[in-house]
Amino acid sequence: MTTGTGTGSNPEERIRSLAHGLLHCIKHYNPDQIVYFGSEDSTVTIKMVETLAAEQKVCLPLEKSTVILRNIDDFDS
């Protein structure tokens, strides 16, 4: 899944909102593993997904990895 950094003027709210949406998808699809795709800035969003999962007592898959994209405007790179 792509992570991103959200939109809006309040950084914490936008990341929390985006992470909430990502966690909702994870709960809905119940994957065996998660691969996050994003920029270096997206690591904050990933940490928020894990924080929200802990708060909501959602078990995330043990297999998780992150792919950091250097050129976020060119996904194929």
N, C-alpha and C. Protein backbone atom coordinates (compact mmCIF):
# COMPACT_ATOMS: atom_id res chain seq x y z
N MET A 1 0.84 -1.17 0.00
CA MET A 1 0.00 0.00 0.00
C MET A 1 0.88 1.23 0.00
N THR A 2 0.45 2.26 -0.67
CA THR A 2 1.18 3.52 -0.62
C THR A 2 0.80 4.23 0.67
N THR A 3 1.73 4.95 1.25
CA THR A 3 1.46 5.57 2.55
C THR A 3 1.17 7.05 2.44
N GLY A 4 2.07 7.84 1.93
CA GLY A 4 1.84 9.26 1.82
C GLY A 4 2.04 9.99 3.13
N THR A 5 1.72 11.28 3.10
CA THR A 5 1.85 12.12 4.29
C THR A 5 0.57 12.90 4.58
N GLY A 6 -0.47 12.67 3.80
CA GLY A 6 -1.76 13.32 4.04
C GLY A 6 -1.81 14.75 3.54
N THR A 7 -2.97 15.37 3.73
CA THR A 7 -3.16 16.76 3.32
C THR A 7 -3.78 17.54 4.45
N GLY A 8 -3.62 18.84 4.41
CA GLY A 8 -4.18 19.70 5.45
C GLY A 8 -3.09 20.50 6.12
N SER A 9 -3.52 21.45 6.96
CA SER A 9 -2.55 22.35 7.57
C SER A 9 -1.98 21.84 8.89
N ASN A 10 -2.70 20.97 9.59
CA ASN A 10 -2.21 20.45 10.86
C ASN A 10 -1.51 19.11 10.62
N PRO A 11 -0.18 19.08 10.73
CA PRO A 11 0.57 17.86 10.41
C PRO A 11 0.13 16.63 11.19
N GLU A 12 -0.09 16.77 12.49
CA GLU A 12 -0.47 15.61 13.29
C GLU A 12 -1.84 15.08 12.89
N GLU A 13 -2.79 15.97 12.65
CA GLU A 13 -4.14 15.54 12.27
C GLU A 13 -4.14 14.87 10.91
N ARG A 14 -3.39 15.42 9.95
CA ARG A 14 -3.40 14.82 8.61
C ARG A 14 -2.76 13.44 8.62
N ILE A 15 -1.69 13.27 9.39
CA ILE A 15 -1.03 11.96 9.45
C ILE A 15 -1.92 10.96 10.19
N ARG A 16 -2.54 11.40 11.28
CA ARG A 16 -3.43 10.53 12.03
C ARG A 16 -4.63 10.10 11.17
N SER A 17 -5.19 11.03 10.41
CA SER A 17 -6.32 10.73 9.54
C SER A 17 -5.93 9.73 8.45
N LEU A 18 -4.79 9.97 7.83
CA LEU A 18 -4.31 9.07 6.79
C LEU A 18 -4.02 7.69 7.36
N ALA A 19 -3.37 7.64 8.51
CA ALA A 19 -3.07 6.36 9.16
C ALA A 19 -4.35 5.62 9.53
N HIS A 20 -5.37 6.36 9.96
CA HIS A 20 -6.66 5.74 10.28
C HIS A 20 -7.23 5.05 9.04
N GLY A 21 -7.17 5.72 7.90
CA GLY A 21 -7.65 5.12 6.65
C GLY A 21 -6.86 3.89 6.25
N LEU A 22 -5.54 3.96 6.40
CA LEU A 22 -4.70 2.80 6.08
C LEU A 22 -5.01 1.62 7.00
N LEU A 23 -5.18 1.91 8.29
CA LEU A 23 -5.50 0.85 9.24
C LEU A 23 -6.86 0.23 8.93
N HIS A 24 -7.81 1.06 8.51
CA HIS A 24 -9.13 0.54 8.13
C HIS A 24 -8.98 -0.46 6.98
N CYS A 25 -8.16 -0.14 5.99
CA CYS A 25 -7.93 -1.06 4.87
C CYS A 25 -7.28 -2.36 5.34
N ILE A 26 -6.32 -2.23 6.24
CA ILE A 26 -5.64 -3.41 6.77
C ILE A 26 -6.65 -4.31 7.49
N LYS A 27 -7.49 -3.71 8.31
CA LYS A 27 -8.49 -4.51 9.04
C LYS A 27 -9.46 -5.16 8.05
N HIS A 28 -9.87 -4.44 7.03
CA HIS A 28 -10.84 -4.96 6.07
C HIS A 28 -10.27 -6.13 5.26
N TYR A 29 -9.05 -5.98 4.77
CA TYR A 29 -8.47 -7.01 3.90
C TYR A 29 -7.72 -8.10 4.66
N ASN A 30 -7.36 -7.84 5.91
CA ASN A 30 -6.71 -8.83 6.77
C ASN A 30 -5.55 -9.55 6.05
N PRO A 31 -4.54 -8.81 5.61
CA PRO A 31 -3.45 -9.42 4.85
C PRO A 31 -2.52 -10.26 5.71
N ASP A 32 -1.79 -11.16 5.05
CA ASP A 32 -0.77 -11.97 5.73
C ASP A 32 0.51 -11.17 5.95
N GLN A 33 0.72 -10.17 5.10
CA GLN A 33 1.90 -9.31 5.23
C GLN A 33 1.56 -7.92 4.71
N ILE A 34 2.35 -6.95 5.12
CA ILE A 34 2.16 -5.57 4.66
C ILE A 34 3.48 -5.08 4.09
N VAL A 35 3.39 -4.46 2.92
CA VAL A 35 4.54 -3.78 2.33
C VAL A 35 4.12 -2.33 2.14
N TYR A 36 4.77 -1.45 2.86
CA TYR A 36 4.49 -0.02 2.76
C TYR A 36 5.39 0.57 1.69
N PHE A 37 4.84 1.42 0.84
CA PHE A 37 5.60 2.15 -0.17
C PHE A 37 5.45 3.64 0.12
N GLY A 38 6.55 4.35 0.26
CA GLY A 38 6.47 5.78 0.50
C GLY A 38 7.83 6.43 0.52
N SER A 39 7.81 7.72 0.77
CA SER A 39 9.05 8.48 0.86
C SER A 39 9.61 8.38 2.28
N GLU A 40 10.74 8.97 2.48
CA GLU A 40 11.33 9.03 3.82
C GLU A 40 10.37 9.71 4.79
N ASP A 41 9.63 10.72 4.29
CA ASP A 41 8.66 11.43 5.13
C ASP A 41 7.50 10.54 5.56
N SER A 42 7.23 9.50 4.81
CA SER A 42 6.10 8.61 5.10
C SER A 42 6.34 7.71 6.31
N THR A 43 7.55 7.63 6.79
CA THR A 43 7.83 6.75 7.93
C THR A 43 7.03 7.19 9.16
N VAL A 44 6.73 8.48 9.26
CA VAL A 44 5.90 8.97 10.37
C VAL A 44 4.49 8.38 10.27
N THR A 45 3.97 8.30 9.05
CA THR A 45 2.64 7.73 8.83
C THR A 45 2.63 6.26 9.21
N ILE A 46 3.67 5.54 8.85
CA ILE A 46 3.75 4.11 9.18
C ILE A 46 3.77 3.92 10.69
N LYS A 47 4.54 4.73 11.38
CA LYS A 47 4.57 4.63 12.85
C LYS A 47 3.20 4.93 13.44
N MET A 48 2.47 5.87 12.85
CA MET A 48 1.13 6.20 13.34
C MET A 48 0.16 5.05 13.10
N VAL A 49 0.29 4.34 11.98
CA VAL A 49 -0.55 3.16 11.73
C VAL A 49 -0.34 2.16 12.86
N GLU A 50 0.90 1.93 13.22
CA GLU A 50 1.20 0.96 14.28
C GLU A 50 0.72 1.46 15.64
N THR A 51 0.81 2.75 15.89
CA THR A 51 0.30 3.33 17.14
C THR A 51 -1.22 3.16 17.23
N LEU A 52 -1.91 3.49 16.16
CA LEU A 52 -3.37 3.34 16.15
C LEU A 52 -3.78 1.88 16.29
N ALA A 53 -3.04 0.98 15.65
CA ALA A 53 -3.34 -0.44 15.77
C ALA A 53 -3.22 -0.89 17.22
N ALA A 54 -2.19 -0.43 17.90
CA ALA A 54 -2.01 -0.79 19.32
C ALA A 54 -3.14 -0.20 20.16
N GLU A 55 -3.51 1.06 19.90
CA GLU A 55 -4.59 1.70 20.65
C GLU A 55 -5.91 0.95 20.47
N GLN A 56 -6.15 0.46 19.25
CA GLN A 56 -7.41 -0.22 18.93
C GLN A 56 -7.33 -1.73 19.12
N LYS A 57 -6.17 -2.19 19.60
CA LYS A 57 -5.94 -3.62 19.81
C LYS A 57 -6.15 -4.44 18.52
N VAL A 58 -5.63 -3.89 17.44
CA VAL A 58 -5.67 -4.57 16.14
C VAL A 58 -4.33 -5.27 15.94
N CYS A 59 -4.38 -6.55 15.66
CA CYS A 59 -3.15 -7.31 15.42
C CYS A 59 -2.73 -7.13 13.97
N LEU A 60 -1.57 -6.53 13.78
CA LEU A 60 -1.01 -6.39 12.44
C LEU A 60 -0.23 -7.64 12.09
N PRO A 61 -0.09 -7.94 10.81
CA PRO A 61 0.72 -9.10 10.43
C PRO A 61 2.15 -8.95 10.93
N LEU A 62 2.77 -10.05 11.25
CA LEU A 62 4.17 -10.01 11.71
C LEU A 62 5.10 -9.65 10.56
N GLU A 63 4.74 -10.05 9.35
CA GLU A 63 5.57 -9.74 8.18
C GLU A 63 5.22 -8.36 7.67
N LYS A 64 6.14 -7.42 7.90
CA LYS A 64 5.96 -6.05 7.43
C LYS A 64 7.29 -5.57 6.86
N SER A 65 7.21 -4.82 5.78
CA SER A 65 8.42 -4.22 5.23
C SER A 65 8.06 -2.86 4.64
N THR A 66 9.08 -2.06 4.46
CA THR A 66 8.90 -0.72 3.92
C THR A 66 9.83 -0.53 2.74
N VAL A 67 9.28 -0.01 1.65
CA VAL A 67 10.07 0.34 0.47
C VAL A 67 10.08 1.86 0.40
N ILE A 68 11.26 2.43 0.55
CA ILE A 68 11.42 3.89 0.48
C ILE A 68 11.67 4.27 -0.97
N LEU A 69 10.79 5.11 -1.49
CA LEU A 69 10.92 5.59 -2.87
C LEU A 69 11.69 6.90 -2.86
N ARG A 70 12.76 6.95 -3.61
CA ARG A 70 13.58 8.16 -3.66
C ARG A 70 12.93 9.24 -4.52
N ASN A 71 12.28 8.82 -5.60
CA ASN A 71 11.60 9.76 -6.49
C ASN A 71 10.10 9.46 -6.40
N ILE A 72 9.41 10.13 -5.50
CA ILE A 72 8.01 9.80 -5.23
C ILE A 72 7.09 10.12 -6.39
N ASP A 73 7.55 10.91 -7.35
CA ASP A 73 6.73 11.24 -8.50
C ASP A 73 6.88 10.24 -9.63
N ASP A 74 7.77 9.25 -9.46
CA ASP A 74 7.99 8.23 -10.48
C ASP A 74 7.96 6.86 -9.80
N PHE A 75 6.76 6.32 -9.60
CA PHE A 75 6.59 5.06 -8.88
C PHE A 75 7.37 3.93 -9.55
N ASP A 76 7.49 3.96 -10.88
CA ASP A 76 8.20 2.89 -11.59
C ASP A 76 9.70 2.87 -11.27
N SER A 77 10.25 4.01 -10.83
CA SER A 77 11.69 4.02 -10.54
C SER A 77 11.97 3.23 -9.29
